[in-house]
Amino acid sequence: MDTSEFDKQAHSHLNTYHSFMSGAKIVGALVILTLVIMAATLL
């Protein structure tokens, strides 16, 4: 993706989006890990 024509505000929004997606990946991994641990302890 070519971001050379983006202004300062667009770059700020893109950085916010990347931060949000990184956080969402971490939260998703923690939820999956929690569910796996719960399933393992129920067996």
PDB file of N, CA and C in Angstrom:
ATOM      1  N   MET A   1       0.841  -1.181   0.000  1.00  0.00           N
ATOM      2  CA  MET A   1       0.000   0.000   0.000  1.00  0.00           C
ATOM      3  C   MET A   1       0.884   1.242   0.000  1.00  0.00           C
ATOM      4  N   ASP A   2       0.650   2.116  -0.947  1.00  0.00           N
ATOM      5  CA  ASP A   2       1.454   3.324  -1.081  1.00  0.00           C
ATOM      6  C   ASP A   2       0.855   4.423  -0.203  1.00  0.00           C
ATOM      7  N   THR A   3       1.617   4.829   0.817  1.00  0.00           N
ATOM      8  CA  THR A   3       1.127   5.870   1.730  1.00  0.00           C
ATOM      9  C   THR A   3       1.851   7.200   1.523  1.00  0.00           C
ATOM     10  N   SER A   4       2.553   7.325   0.406  1.00  0.00           N
ATOM     11  CA  SER A   4       3.351   8.540   0.194  1.00  0.00           C
ATOM     12  C   SER A   4       2.492   9.793   0.019  1.00  0.00           C
ATOM     13  N   GLU A   5       1.240   9.624  -0.415  1.00  0.00           N
ATOM     14  CA  GLU A   5       0.370  10.780  -0.627  1.00  0.00           C
ATOM     15  C   GLU A   5      -0.497  11.098   0.589  1.00  0.00           C
ATOM     16  N   PHE A   6      -0.353  10.338   1.671  1.00  0.00           N
ATOM     17  CA  PHE A   6      -1.153  10.569   2.868  1.00  0.00           C
ATOM     18  C   PHE A   6      -0.671  11.827   3.595  1.00  0.00           C
ATOM     19  N   ASP A   7      -1.605  12.552   4.194  1.00  0.00           N
ATOM     20  CA  ASP A   7      -1.210  13.690   5.017  1.00  0.00           C
ATOM     21  C   ASP A   7      -0.947  13.206   6.444  1.00  0.00           C
ATOM     22  N   LYS A   8      -0.600  14.140   7.320  1.00  0.00           N
ATOM     23  CA  LYS A   8      -0.230  13.782   8.687  1.00  0.00           C
ATOM     24  C   LYS A   8      -1.381  13.101   9.426  1.00  0.00           C
ATOM     25  N   GLN A   9      -2.602  13.581   9.202  1.00  0.00           N
ATOM     26  CA  GLN A   9      -3.760  13.010   9.883  1.00  0.00           C
ATOM     27  C   GLN A   9      -4.028  11.581   9.408  1.00  0.00           C
ATOM     28  N   ALA A  10      -3.873  11.336   8.115  1.00  0.00           N
ATOM     29  CA  ALA A  10      -4.087   9.992   7.578  1.00  0.00           C
ATOM     30  C   ALA A  10      -3.062   9.017   8.147  1.00  0.00           C
ATOM     31  N   HIS A  11      -1.809   9.452   8.286  1.00  0.00           N
ATOM     32  CA  HIS A  11      -0.785   8.601   8.886  1.00  0.00           C
ATOM     33  C   HIS A  11      -1.129   8.309  10.349  1.00  0.00           C
ATOM     34  N   SER A  12      -1.653   9.302  11.042  1.00  0.00           N
ATOM     35  CA  SER A  12      -2.063   9.116  12.441  1.00  0.00           C
ATOM     36  C   SER A  12      -3.174   8.080  12.534  1.00  0.00           C
ATOM     37  N   HIS A  13      -4.159   8.170  11.642  1.00  0.00           N
ATOM     38  CA  HIS A  13      -5.254   7.208  11.645  1.00  0.00           C
ATOM     39  C   HIS A  13      -4.750   5.802  11.311  1.00  0.00           C
ATOM     40  N   LEU A  14      -3.801   5.713  10.389  1.00  0.00           N
ATOM     41  CA  LEU A  14      -3.247   4.414  10.012  1.00  0.00           C
ATOM     42  C   LEU A  14      -2.501   3.793  11.193  1.00  0.00           C
ATOM     43  N   ASN A  15      -1.737   4.607  11.927  1.00  0.00           N
ATOM     44  CA  ASN A  15      -1.027   4.102  13.103  1.00  0.00           C
ATOM     45  C   ASN A  15      -2.007   3.646  14.177  1.00  0.00           C
ATOM     46  N   THR A  16      -3.092   4.394  14.356  1.00  0.00           N
ATOM     47  CA  THR A  16      -4.120   4.005  15.328  1.00  0.00           C
ATOM     48  C   THR A  16      -4.736   2.675  14.928  1.00  0.00           C
ATOM     49  N   TYR A  17      -5.017   2.511  13.646  1.00  0.00           N
ATOM     50  CA  TYR A  17      -5.586   1.259  13.138  1.00  0.00           C
ATOM     51  C   TYR A  17      -4.641   0.087  13.386  1.00  0.00           C
ATOM     52  N   HIS A  18      -3.349   0.282  13.104  1.00  0.00           N
ATOM     53  CA  HIS A  18      -2.378  -0.786  13.318  1.00  0.00           C
ATOM     54  C   HIS A  18      -2.279  -1.151  14.793  1.00  0.00           C
ATOM     55  N   SER A  19      -2.308  -0.146  15.659  1.00  0.00           N
ATOM     56  CA  SER A  19      -2.261  -0.404  17.100  1.00  0.00           C
ATOM     57  C   SER A  19      -3.487  -1.183  17.549  1.00  0.00           C
ATOM     58  N   PHE A  20      -4.658  -0.783  17.051  1.00  0.00           N
ATOM     59  CA  PHE A  20      -5.897  -1.476  17.414  1.00  0.00           C
ATOM     60  C   PHE A  20      -5.862  -2.928  16.954  1.00  0.00           C
ATOM     61  N   MET A  21      -5.385  -3.167  15.730  1.00  0.00           N
ATOM     62  CA  MET A  21      -5.356  -4.529  15.208  1.00  0.00           C
ATOM     63  C   MET A  21      -4.360  -5.393  15.993  1.00  0.00           C
ATOM     64  N   SER A  22      -3.239  -4.825  16.400  1.00  0.00           N
ATOM     65  CA  SER A  22      -2.280  -5.573  17.210  1.00  0.00           C
ATOM     66  C   SER A  22      -2.906  -5.944  18.543  1.00  0.00           C
ATOM     67  N   GLY A  23      -3.596  -4.997  19.147  1.00  0.00           N
ATOM     68  CA  GLY A  23      -4.274  -5.270  20.410  1.00  0.00           C
ATOM     69  C   GLY A  23      -5.347  -6.322  20.251  1.00  0.00           C
ATOM     70  N   ALA A  24      -6.090  -6.271  19.155  1.00  0.00           N
ATOM     71  CA  ALA A  24      -7.158  -7.242  18.912  1.00  0.00           C
ATOM     72  C   ALA A  24      -6.580  -8.645  18.738  1.00  0.00           C
ATOM     73  N   LYS A  25      -5.428  -8.759  18.087  1.00  0.00           N
ATOM     74  CA  LYS A  25      -4.787 -10.060  17.922  1.00  0.00           C
ATOM     75  C   LYS A  25      -4.374 -10.635  19.274  1.00  0.00           C
ATOM     76  N   ILE A  26      -3.812  -9.785  20.140  1.00  0.00           N
ATOM     77  CA  ILE A  26      -3.381 -10.236  21.466  1.00  0.00           C
ATOM     78  C   ILE A  26      -4.585 -10.686  22.291  1.00  0.00           C
ATOM     79  N   VAL A  27      -5.656  -9.888  22.271  1.00  0.00           N
ATOM     80  CA  VAL A  27      -6.863 -10.240  23.019  1.00  0.00           C
ATOM     81  C   VAL A  27      -7.455 -11.539  22.483  1.00  0.00           C
ATOM     82  N   GLY A  28      -7.497 -11.696  21.180  1.00  0.00           N
ATOM     83  CA  GLY A  28      -8.007 -12.927  20.583  1.00  0.00           C
ATOM     84  C   GLY A  28      -7.192 -14.138  20.992  1.00  0.00           C
ATOM     85  N   ALA A  29      -5.886 -13.998  21.002  1.00  0.00           N
ATOM     86  CA  ALA A  29      -5.016 -15.099  21.411  1.00  0.00           C
ATOM     87  C   ALA A  29      -5.252 -15.454  22.877  1.00  0.00           C
ATOM     88  N   LEU A  30      -5.434 -14.455  23.726  1.00  0.00           N
ATOM     89  CA  LEU A  30      -5.700 -14.715  25.144  1.00  0.00           C
ATOM     90  C   LEU A  30      -7.035 -15.416  25.349  1.00  0.00           C
ATOM     91  N   VAL A  31      -8.052 -15.025  24.578  1.00  0.00           N
ATOM     92  CA  VAL A  31      -9.360 -15.672  24.678  1.00  0.00           C
ATOM     93  C   VAL A  31      -9.251 -17.132  24.253  1.00  0.00           C
ATOM     94  N   ILE A  32      -8.575 -17.397  23.139  1.00  0.00           N
ATOM     95  CA  ILE A  32      -8.402 -18.771  22.666  1.00  0.00           C
ATOM     96  C   ILE A  32      -7.620 -19.589  23.689  1.00  0.00           C
ATOM     97  N   LEU A  33      -6.560 -19.007  24.237  1.00  0.00           N
ATOM     98  CA  LEU A  33      -5.762 -19.700  25.248  1.00  0.00           C
ATOM     99  C   LEU A  33      -6.609 -20.037  26.471  1.00  0.00           C
ATOM    100  N   THR A  34      -7.429 -19.102  26.913  1.00  0.00           N
ATOM    101  CA  THR A  34      -8.310 -19.325  28.058  1.00  0.00           C
ATOM    102  C   THR A  34      -9.287 -20.468  27.769  1.00  0.00           C
ATOM    103  N   LEU A  35      -9.870 -20.467  26.575  1.00  0.00           N
ATOM    104  CA  LEU A  35     -10.808 -21.530  26.222  1.00  0.00           C
ATOM    105  C   LEU A  35     -10.122 -22.891  26.157  1.00  0.00           C
ATOM    106  N   VAL A  36      -8.913 -22.948  25.650  1.00  0.00           N
ATOM    107  CA  VAL A  36      -8.169 -24.215  25.582  1.00  0.00           C
ATOM    108  C   VAL A  36      -7.861 -24.717  26.992  1.00  0.00           C
ATOM    109  N   ILE A  37      -7.440 -23.822  27.878  1.00  0.00           N
ATOM    110  CA  ILE A  37      -7.139 -24.211  29.257  1.00  0.00           C
ATOM    111  C   ILE A  37      -8.409 -24.713  29.946  1.00  0.00           C
ATOM    112  N   MET A  38      -9.534 -24.015  29.737  1.00  0.00           N
ATOM    113  CA  MET A  38     -10.802 -24.452  30.330  1.00  0.00           C
ATOM    114  C   MET A  38     -11.209 -25.833  29.812  1.00  0.00           C
ATOM    115  N   ALA A  39     -11.059 -26.059  28.524  1.00  0.00           N
ATOM    116  CA  ALA A  39     -11.415 -27.351  27.940  1.00  0.00           C
ATOM    117  C   ALA A  39     -10.500 -28.452  28.484  1.00  0.00           C
ATOM    118  N   ALA A  40      -9.229 -28.165  28.640  1.00  0.00           N
ATOM    119  CA  ALA A  40      -8.273 -29.162  29.124  1.00  0.00           C
ATOM    120  C   ALA A  40      -8.576 -29.537  30.571  1.00  0.00           C
ATOM    121  N   THR A  41      -8.995 -28.576  31.384  1.00  0.00           N
ATOM    122  CA  THR A  41      -9.269 -28.883  32.792  1.00  0.00           C
ATOM    123  C   THR A  41     -10.597 -29.597  32.970  1.00  0.00           C
ATOM    124  N   LEU A  42     -11.482 -29.518  31.981  1.00  0.00           N
ATOM    125  CA  LEU A  42     -12.771 -30.213  32.072  1.00  0.00           C
ATOM    126  C   LEU A  42     -12.672 -31.684  31.665  1.00  0.00           C
ATOM    127  N   LEU A  43     -11.618 -32.033  30.965  1.00  0.00           N
ATOM    128  CA  LEU A  43     -11.489 -33.428  30.500  1.00  0.00           C
ATOM    129  C   LEU A  43     -11.112 -34.362  31.626  1.00  0.00           C
TER     130      LEU A  43
END
